[in-house]
Amino acid sequence: MGYSEAQQMVYTKLVGDLDVDDMIREIFKEHPEVYYLHARNAEACCYICKIERV
């Protein structure tokens, strides 16, 4: 899930079989409104980590 600087959800996408590292780079490149990401396990709905734009 991608969040704006105002902490509002502005983007979501399931990873599936995609490469997570590539996906993170693409999201930050193509979606300037995304200030940070929350990685979650879709099946268990568990929070994994926060990924910040640098």
N, C-alpha and C. Protein backbone atom coordinates (compact mmCIF):
# COMPACT_ATOMS: atom_id res chain seq x y z
N MET A 1 0.83 -1.16 0.00
CA MET A 1 0.00 0.00 0.00
C MET A 1 0.88 1.23 0.00
N GLY A 2 0.56 2.20 -0.84
CA GLY A 2 1.32 3.43 -0.91
C GLY A 2 0.58 4.57 -0.23
N TYR A 3 1.30 5.35 0.53
CA TYR A 3 0.71 6.44 1.30
C TYR A 3 1.34 7.78 0.91
N SER A 4 0.53 8.82 0.97
CA SER A 4 1.00 10.17 0.70
C SER A 4 1.72 10.71 1.93
N GLU A 5 2.32 11.88 1.78
CA GLU A 5 2.99 12.53 2.91
C GLU A 5 1.99 12.84 4.02
N ALA A 6 0.71 13.02 3.65
CA ALA A 6 -0.36 13.29 4.62
C ALA A 6 -0.92 12.00 5.22
N GLN A 7 -0.26 10.87 4.98
CA GLN A 7 -0.62 9.56 5.52
C GLN A 7 -1.96 9.03 4.99
N GLN A 8 -2.31 9.41 3.76
CA GLN A 8 -3.52 8.89 3.12
C GLN A 8 -3.13 7.83 2.10
N MET A 9 -3.87 6.71 2.09
CA MET A 9 -3.58 5.66 1.12
C MET A 9 -3.90 6.16 -0.28
N VAL A 10 -2.90 6.09 -1.18
CA VAL A 10 -3.07 6.60 -2.54
C VAL A 10 -2.74 5.56 -3.61
N TYR A 11 -2.28 4.37 -3.20
CA TYR A 11 -1.88 3.35 -4.18
C TYR A 11 -1.90 1.97 -3.53
N THR A 12 -2.41 0.99 -4.26
CA THR A 12 -2.33 -0.40 -3.80
C THR A 12 -2.04 -1.32 -4.98
N LYS A 13 -1.34 -2.40 -4.72
CA LYS A 13 -1.07 -3.39 -5.74
C LYS A 13 -0.56 -4.67 -5.08
N LEU A 14 -1.04 -5.80 -5.57
CA LEU A 14 -0.55 -7.09 -5.07
C LEU A 14 0.75 -7.44 -5.79
N VAL A 15 1.70 -7.97 -5.07
CA VAL A 15 3.00 -8.34 -5.64
C VAL A 15 2.89 -9.58 -6.50
N GLY A 16 2.21 -10.59 -6.01
CA GLY A 16 2.10 -11.85 -6.75
C GLY A 16 3.47 -12.44 -7.05
N ASP A 17 3.75 -12.73 -8.30
CA ASP A 17 5.03 -13.33 -8.71
C ASP A 17 6.05 -12.28 -9.14
N LEU A 18 5.73 -11.00 -9.00
CA LEU A 18 6.66 -9.94 -9.40
C LEU A 18 7.83 -9.84 -8.44
N ASP A 19 8.93 -9.29 -8.89
CA ASP A 19 10.10 -9.06 -8.04
C ASP A 19 9.83 -7.83 -7.17
N VAL A 20 9.86 -8.02 -5.86
CA VAL A 20 9.52 -6.94 -4.93
C VAL A 20 10.46 -5.75 -5.08
N ASP A 21 11.75 -5.98 -5.19
CA ASP A 21 12.71 -4.87 -5.31
C ASP A 21 12.45 -4.04 -6.56
N ASP A 22 12.17 -4.71 -7.68
CA ASP A 22 11.85 -3.98 -8.91
C ASP A 22 10.56 -3.21 -8.77
N MET A 23 9.58 -3.82 -8.13
CA MET A 23 8.28 -3.19 -7.95
C MET A 23 8.38 -1.92 -7.11
N ILE A 24 9.16 -1.96 -6.05
CA ILE A 24 9.35 -0.80 -5.18
C ILE A 24 9.94 0.36 -5.99
N ARG A 25 10.99 0.08 -6.75
CA ARG A 25 11.60 1.12 -7.58
C ARG A 25 10.60 1.70 -8.58
N GLU A 26 9.81 0.85 -9.22
CA GLU A 26 8.82 1.30 -10.20
C GLU A 26 7.75 2.18 -9.56
N ILE A 27 7.26 1.78 -8.40
CA ILE A 27 6.22 2.55 -7.73
C ILE A 27 6.73 3.95 -7.39
N PHE A 28 7.91 4.05 -6.79
CA PHE A 28 8.44 5.35 -6.43
C PHE A 28 8.76 6.19 -7.67
N LYS A 29 9.17 5.56 -8.76
CA LYS A 29 9.48 6.28 -9.99
C LYS A 29 8.21 6.78 -10.68
N GLU A 30 7.20 5.93 -10.77
CA GLU A 30 6.00 6.24 -11.54
C GLU A 30 4.89 6.93 -10.74
N HIS A 31 5.00 6.97 -9.42
CA HIS A 31 3.95 7.53 -8.57
C HIS A 31 4.56 8.50 -7.56
N PRO A 32 4.85 9.72 -7.98
CA PRO A 32 5.47 10.70 -7.08
C PRO A 32 4.63 11.04 -5.85
N GLU A 33 3.34 10.76 -5.91
CA GLU A 33 2.47 11.02 -4.76
C GLU A 33 2.68 10.03 -3.63
N VAL A 34 3.35 8.89 -3.92
CA VAL A 34 3.63 7.89 -2.89
C VAL A 34 4.87 8.30 -2.12
N TYR A 35 4.67 8.58 -0.84
CA TYR A 35 5.75 9.04 0.04
C TYR A 35 6.42 7.85 0.74
N TYR A 36 5.60 6.82 1.07
CA TYR A 36 6.14 5.59 1.67
C TYR A 36 5.18 4.44 1.38
N LEU A 37 5.69 3.23 1.56
CA LEU A 37 4.91 2.01 1.33
C LEU A 37 4.81 1.21 2.61
N HIS A 38 3.71 0.50 2.76
CA HIS A 38 3.58 -0.51 3.81
C HIS A 38 3.51 -1.85 3.09
N ALA A 39 4.41 -2.74 3.42
CA ALA A 39 4.39 -4.10 2.88
C ALA A 39 3.58 -4.96 3.84
N ARG A 40 2.67 -5.73 3.27
CA ARG A 40 1.81 -6.61 4.07
C ARG A 40 1.72 -7.99 3.42
N ASN A 41 1.46 -8.98 4.23
CA ASN A 41 1.17 -10.31 3.74
C ASN A 41 -0.32 -10.33 3.38
N ALA A 42 -0.64 -10.50 2.11
CA ALA A 42 -2.03 -10.42 1.66
C ALA A 42 -2.90 -11.53 2.25
N GLU A 43 -2.34 -12.71 2.42
CA GLU A 43 -3.13 -13.83 2.93
C GLU A 43 -3.46 -13.67 4.41
N ALA A 44 -2.47 -13.30 5.21
CA ALA A 44 -2.66 -13.17 6.66
C ALA A 44 -2.97 -11.74 7.09
N CYS A 45 -2.87 -10.79 6.17
CA CYS A 45 -3.12 -9.36 6.46
C CYS A 45 -2.16 -8.81 7.51
N CYS A 46 -0.99 -9.39 7.60
CA CYS A 46 0.00 -8.96 8.59
C CYS A 46 0.91 -7.87 8.01
N TYR A 47 1.20 -6.87 8.82
CA TYR A 47 2.15 -5.82 8.47
C TYR A 47 3.55 -6.40 8.49
N ILE A 48 4.35 -6.09 7.44
CA ILE A 48 5.71 -6.60 7.38
C ILE A 48 6.71 -5.48 7.66
N CYS A 49 6.60 -4.36 6.89
CA CYS A 49 7.55 -3.28 7.10
C CYS A 49 7.09 -2.02 6.38
N LYS A 50 7.75 -0.91 6.71
CA LYS A 50 7.53 0.38 6.06
C LYS A 50 8.73 0.65 5.16
N ILE A 51 8.47 1.10 3.93
CA ILE A 51 9.53 1.39 2.97
C ILE A 51 9.40 2.85 2.60
N GLU A 52 10.42 3.64 2.91
CA GLU A 52 10.36 5.09 2.67
C GLU A 52 11.10 5.49 1.43
N ARG A 53 10.58 6.50 0.77
CA ARG A 53 11.25 7.10 -0.39
C ARG A 53 12.52 7.79 0.11
N VAL A 54 13.62 7.65 -0.63
CA VAL A 54 14.86 8.33 -0.25
C VAL A 54 15.22 9.40 -1.23
